[in-house]
Amino acid sequence: MPKMKTNRAAAKRFKKTGGSRIKRATAFRRHILTKKSSKRKRHLRAPAYVESANIKAVEKRLLPYG
């Protein structure tokens, strides 16, 4: 039987942390930044994590054997 493949789209979007949380990018940081305040943009820089309700689905895509 061939190896199972990790979903590459998910691998590019999510990273697993040392504490077994899953880090993700924050939305609303890509474009149309002129109308957003500096404070808002600064807070969007902070790391975001996948919610507990979605962790199983993301892990299934990232780690097919785990």
N, C-alpha and C. Protein backbone atom coordinates (compact mmCIF):
# COMPACT_ATOMS: atom_id res chain seq x y z
N MET A 1 0.85 -1.18 0.00
CA MET A 1 0.00 0.00 0.00
C MET A 1 0.89 1.24 0.00
N PRO A 2 0.58 2.25 -0.83
CA PRO A 2 1.43 3.44 -0.88
C PRO A 2 1.29 4.30 0.38
N LYS A 3 2.27 5.17 0.56
CA LYS A 3 2.25 6.08 1.69
C LYS A 3 1.06 7.04 1.58
N MET A 4 0.54 7.43 2.73
CA MET A 4 -0.47 8.49 2.74
C MET A 4 0.26 9.81 2.63
N LYS A 5 -0.35 10.77 1.98
CA LYS A 5 0.28 12.07 1.79
C LYS A 5 -0.32 13.11 2.73
N THR A 6 0.54 13.97 3.25
CA THR A 6 0.09 15.13 4.01
C THR A 6 -0.56 16.10 3.04
N ASN A 7 -1.61 16.74 3.44
CA ASN A 7 -2.25 17.75 2.60
C ASN A 7 -1.32 18.97 2.56
N ARG A 8 -0.75 19.25 1.40
CA ARG A 8 0.26 20.31 1.28
C ARG A 8 -0.33 21.70 1.51
N ALA A 9 -1.57 21.90 1.14
CA ALA A 9 -2.20 23.20 1.38
C ALA A 9 -2.29 23.47 2.88
N ALA A 10 -2.64 22.45 3.65
CA ALA A 10 -2.72 22.59 5.10
C ALA A 10 -1.34 22.76 5.71
N ALA A 11 -0.34 22.05 5.18
CA ALA A 11 1.01 22.13 5.72
C ALA A 11 1.59 23.53 5.57
N LYS A 12 1.18 24.25 4.52
CA LYS A 12 1.67 25.61 4.31
C LYS A 12 0.97 26.62 5.21
N ARG A 13 -0.20 26.28 5.70
CA ARG A 13 -1.00 27.23 6.47
C ARG A 13 -0.91 27.05 7.99
N PHE A 14 -0.57 25.86 8.44
CA PHE A 14 -0.56 25.55 9.87
C PHE A 14 0.79 25.01 10.30
N LYS A 15 1.19 25.34 11.55
CA LYS A 15 2.41 24.80 12.14
C LYS A 15 2.06 24.28 13.53
N LYS A 16 2.64 23.15 13.86
CA LYS A 16 2.41 22.59 15.19
C LYS A 16 3.41 23.18 16.17
N THR A 17 2.97 23.60 17.35
CA THR A 17 3.86 24.18 18.36
C THR A 17 4.35 23.10 19.31
N GLY A 18 5.29 23.47 20.16
CA GLY A 18 5.84 22.51 21.11
C GLY A 18 4.81 22.02 22.10
N GLY A 19 3.84 22.86 22.42
CA GLY A 19 2.80 22.49 23.38
C GLY A 19 1.60 21.85 22.72
N SER A 20 1.78 21.32 21.52
CA SER A 20 0.76 20.61 20.75
C SER A 20 -0.45 21.47 20.36
N ARG A 21 -0.23 22.78 20.32
CA ARG A 21 -1.26 23.66 19.77
C ARG A 21 -0.95 23.84 18.29
N ILE A 22 -1.91 24.33 17.54
CA ILE A 22 -1.68 24.54 16.11
C ILE A 22 -1.79 26.02 15.81
N LYS A 23 -0.70 26.57 15.28
CA LYS A 23 -0.61 27.99 14.98
C LYS A 23 -1.12 28.24 13.56
N ARG A 24 -1.80 29.36 13.38
CA ARG A 24 -2.32 29.72 12.06
C ARG A 24 -2.09 31.20 11.81
N ALA A 25 -2.27 31.62 10.57
CA ALA A 25 -2.14 33.03 10.21
C ALA A 25 -3.40 33.79 10.64
N THR A 26 -3.25 35.06 10.92
CA THR A 26 -4.38 35.90 11.28
C THR A 26 -5.00 36.48 10.01
N ALA A 27 -6.30 36.54 9.97
CA ALA A 27 -7.01 37.11 8.82
C ALA A 27 -6.94 38.63 8.86
N PHE A 28 -7.27 39.28 7.77
CA PHE A 28 -7.37 40.75 7.63
C PHE A 28 -6.02 41.46 7.69
N ARG A 29 -4.94 40.79 7.31
CA ARG A 29 -3.62 41.42 7.31
C ARG A 29 -3.03 41.57 5.92
N ARG A 30 -3.75 41.19 4.87
CA ARG A 30 -3.16 41.09 3.53
C ARG A 30 -3.19 42.39 2.73
N HIS A 31 -4.32 43.06 2.69
CA HIS A 31 -4.42 44.26 1.86
C HIS A 31 -5.47 45.19 2.46
N ILE A 32 -5.63 46.35 1.86
CA ILE A 32 -6.53 47.40 2.38
C ILE A 32 -6.14 47.72 3.83
N LEU A 33 -4.86 48.01 4.03
CA LEU A 33 -4.37 48.26 5.38
C LEU A 33 -4.41 49.74 5.75
N THR A 34 -4.63 50.62 4.78
CA THR A 34 -4.58 52.05 5.07
C THR A 34 -5.70 52.49 6.00
N LYS A 35 -6.85 51.89 5.88
CA LYS A 35 -7.99 52.31 6.72
C LYS A 35 -7.98 51.66 8.11
N LYS A 36 -7.08 50.71 8.32
CA LYS A 36 -7.00 50.05 9.61
C LYS A 36 -6.02 50.80 10.50
N SER A 37 -6.37 50.91 11.76
CA SER A 37 -5.52 51.67 12.69
C SER A 37 -4.23 50.90 12.99
N SER A 38 -3.22 51.63 13.43
CA SER A 38 -1.94 51.01 13.78
C SER A 38 -2.13 49.99 14.89
N LYS A 39 -2.98 50.32 15.85
CA LYS A 39 -3.23 49.42 16.97
C LYS A 39 -3.83 48.11 16.48
N ARG A 40 -4.79 48.22 15.56
CA ARG A 40 -5.44 47.02 15.03
C ARG A 40 -4.45 46.15 14.26
N LYS A 41 -3.61 46.78 13.44
CA LYS A 41 -2.62 46.04 12.66
C LYS A 41 -1.58 45.38 13.58
N ARG A 42 -1.21 46.09 14.64
CA ARG A 42 -0.24 45.56 15.61
C ARG A 42 -0.80 44.32 16.29
N HIS A 43 -2.07 44.37 16.68
CA HIS A 43 -2.69 43.23 17.35
C HIS A 43 -2.87 42.05 16.40
N LEU A 44 -3.01 42.32 15.13
CA LEU A 44 -3.14 41.24 14.15
C LEU A 44 -1.82 40.50 13.93
N ARG A 45 -0.71 41.09 14.37
CA ARG A 45 0.59 40.43 14.26
C ARG A 45 0.74 39.29 15.26
N ALA A 46 -0.02 39.33 16.34
CA ALA A 46 0.10 38.31 17.38
C ALA A 46 -0.27 36.95 16.82
N PRO A 47 0.33 35.88 17.34
CA PRO A 47 0.01 34.55 16.83
C PRO A 47 -1.43 34.17 17.10
N ALA A 48 -2.02 33.47 16.15
CA ALA A 48 -3.39 32.98 16.31
C ALA A 48 -3.33 31.46 16.34
N TYR A 49 -4.24 30.86 17.05
CA TYR A 49 -4.25 29.41 17.18
C TYR A 49 -5.58 28.85 16.72
N VAL A 50 -5.54 27.62 16.25
CA VAL A 50 -6.76 26.94 15.79
C VAL A 50 -7.63 26.67 17.01
N GLU A 51 -8.92 26.90 16.87
CA GLU A 51 -9.86 26.67 17.97
C GLU A 51 -9.97 25.18 18.26
N SER A 52 -10.32 24.86 19.50
CA SER A 52 -10.38 23.46 19.92
C SER A 52 -11.37 22.64 19.10
N ALA A 53 -12.44 23.28 18.63
CA ALA A 53 -13.45 22.57 17.83
C ALA A 53 -12.89 22.11 16.49
N ASN A 54 -11.85 22.78 15.99
CA ASN A 54 -11.32 22.46 14.66
C ASN A 54 -9.99 21.71 14.67
N ILE A 55 -9.44 21.46 15.84
CA ILE A 55 -8.11 20.86 15.93
C ILE A 55 -8.07 19.48 15.28
N LYS A 56 -9.07 18.65 15.55
CA LYS A 56 -9.05 17.28 14.99
C LYS A 56 -9.04 17.30 13.47
N ALA A 57 -9.81 18.18 12.86
CA ALA A 57 -9.88 18.26 11.40
C ALA A 57 -8.56 18.71 10.81
N VAL A 58 -7.91 19.68 11.45
CA VAL A 58 -6.63 20.19 10.95
C VAL A 58 -5.54 19.14 11.13
N GLU A 59 -5.51 18.49 12.29
CA GLU A 59 -4.50 17.46 12.54
C GLU A 59 -4.62 16.31 11.56
N LYS A 60 -5.84 15.98 11.19
CA LYS A 60 -6.07 14.88 10.24
C LYS A 60 -5.44 15.21 8.89
N ARG A 61 -5.49 16.47 8.50
CA ARG A 61 -4.89 16.88 7.23
C ARG A 61 -3.37 16.98 7.34
N LEU A 62 -2.88 17.44 8.48
CA LEU A 62 -1.45 17.64 8.66
C LEU A 62 -0.69 16.34 8.88
N LEU A 63 -1.22 15.50 9.74
CA LEU A 63 -0.50 14.31 10.18
C LEU A 63 -1.34 13.05 9.93
N PRO A 64 -1.32 12.52 8.73
CA PRO A 64 -2.18 11.38 8.45
C PRO A 64 -1.87 10.14 9.28
N TYR A 65 -0.65 10.05 9.83
CA TYR A 65 -0.31 8.89 10.65
C TYR A 65 -0.40 9.16 12.15
N GLY A 66 -0.64 10.42 12.53
CA GLY A 66 -0.54 10.78 13.95
C GLY A 66 -1.76 10.76 14.73
